[in-house]
Amino acid sequence: MKVASLEYRPRLGWSQPLPADLNSPSTLLLAFGGWDLKDDSAPFREIREAFPDSVILGCSTAGEIAGAAVQDNTISLAITRFDKTEVRGAWSTVSGADDSGGAGERLAAQLAGPGLAAVFILSHGVNVNGTELVHAVVRGLPDGVTVSGGLAGDGARLASSWVLVDGEPQVGAVSAVGLYGAALDVGVGVAGGWNDFGPDRLITRSEGNVLMELDGKPALDLYKEYLGEFAADLPGSALLFPLSIRRPGQASVPLVRTILGVDEESRTMTFAGDVPVGASARLMRTTNERLVHSAGLAGARAMERLQADRPALVVSVSCLGRRLLLGERSDDEVETVLEGIPAGSAHVGFYSNGEIAAGEVGARSELHNQTITVTTFAER
């Protein structure tokens, strides 16, 4: 297994020549770029020309992770040529939140097969129900397949996003890669660093990822009461105060949900994932120190299966809300992930509208918000 990483900057080009000698049917490229780069055809054309036989996966971001740095309006590219692992790409359109489950079913149907060990998903990040998407993928795959990934971003606009399809940016799509073979080691770590505050509220009315009522009251009205002066900046300010969602009888760590949009007329809020009726909801908050510490925990969990003498592909997906809070300390979060990474490894990733991973060992993958997830890929 060989890995390489490089960066693209508008007007400056690539940080080094594209290593076309790594092109093969067993090569995976991950390319994470700024939203505005959808109109810059040069870097994506150059990738396709240098790697015609490889699987290319990528999406727009709310910040690109390259090594130990966080950047904007660049492309962070990792190239991995596997020795013993088969690589297969898949994609589907996703016409809206109601089609999220269908898109997941279509992806799973394309990827399910003998030897499947892991699936990494990148989805359109707005007007999608990430919960339904992930659950449909998981249902369509054999038990034991590791599923991780994230929802594309567009800075802090929460208006649109793109996903690479056949190496070209496309709006309204979801793509994935399947990795096959017994030689692949996959590790996943998830951590949040947020604390609940305020009273428990019962979700009394919702439809999928649209929250209508809390404790029988219009959800948006109640949420604005808590936000106070921050309410004027919705939906962006909601990234600073997500909700923790705990389903009835759930004993595990609660899911975190971030708002993607608000409807002032209907007094409702739309989230990146399901907010089911009967679940309890509480507001959450955090500090920079907790966020940085949690990133180290996620990295350590993901790297438990790595061997020190073998390079790995390390992919971090962190929520946009974390970056808004961390500000200039976002680099601290990324640097903390890298502690203990094997020499010769490549680290890329992005700030997202949602993160996909299993929160606990043996649990099914879920859509998360306000977390950082770290996925590692290596060969024995």
Foldseek 3Di string as FASTA:
>chain_A
DAKDKWKQAPPVGIPDDDPLVLADQQKEKEKEFAQVCLPVCVVLVSVCVSHVNYHYKYKYFLWKDFQLDTHHGMIIMMMDRDDFKGKDKDKDFQPAQVCLLVRLLRQLVRAEDPQWAEKEKEFKAARHAQFSNQVSNLVSYDPNHFYWYAYHDHRLPLPWMFIADSSHTDTRMMMMMTMGDPFKDKFKFKFFLKDFDDDKWFQADDDWQKGQDTNRHGPLVVVCVVVPVLNVVPPSSQLQKWKFKDAVPDPDGTFTWHFSHADPVRSMTGTNHGRDGGIIITIIHHALVSLLVRLLRRLVRRCPPPDQAFAKEKEKEAASSNCVRCPVCPSSSSVSSCVPHHPSYTYIYHHHSWIWGANDPPGRIGIHHNMMMMMMMTGD
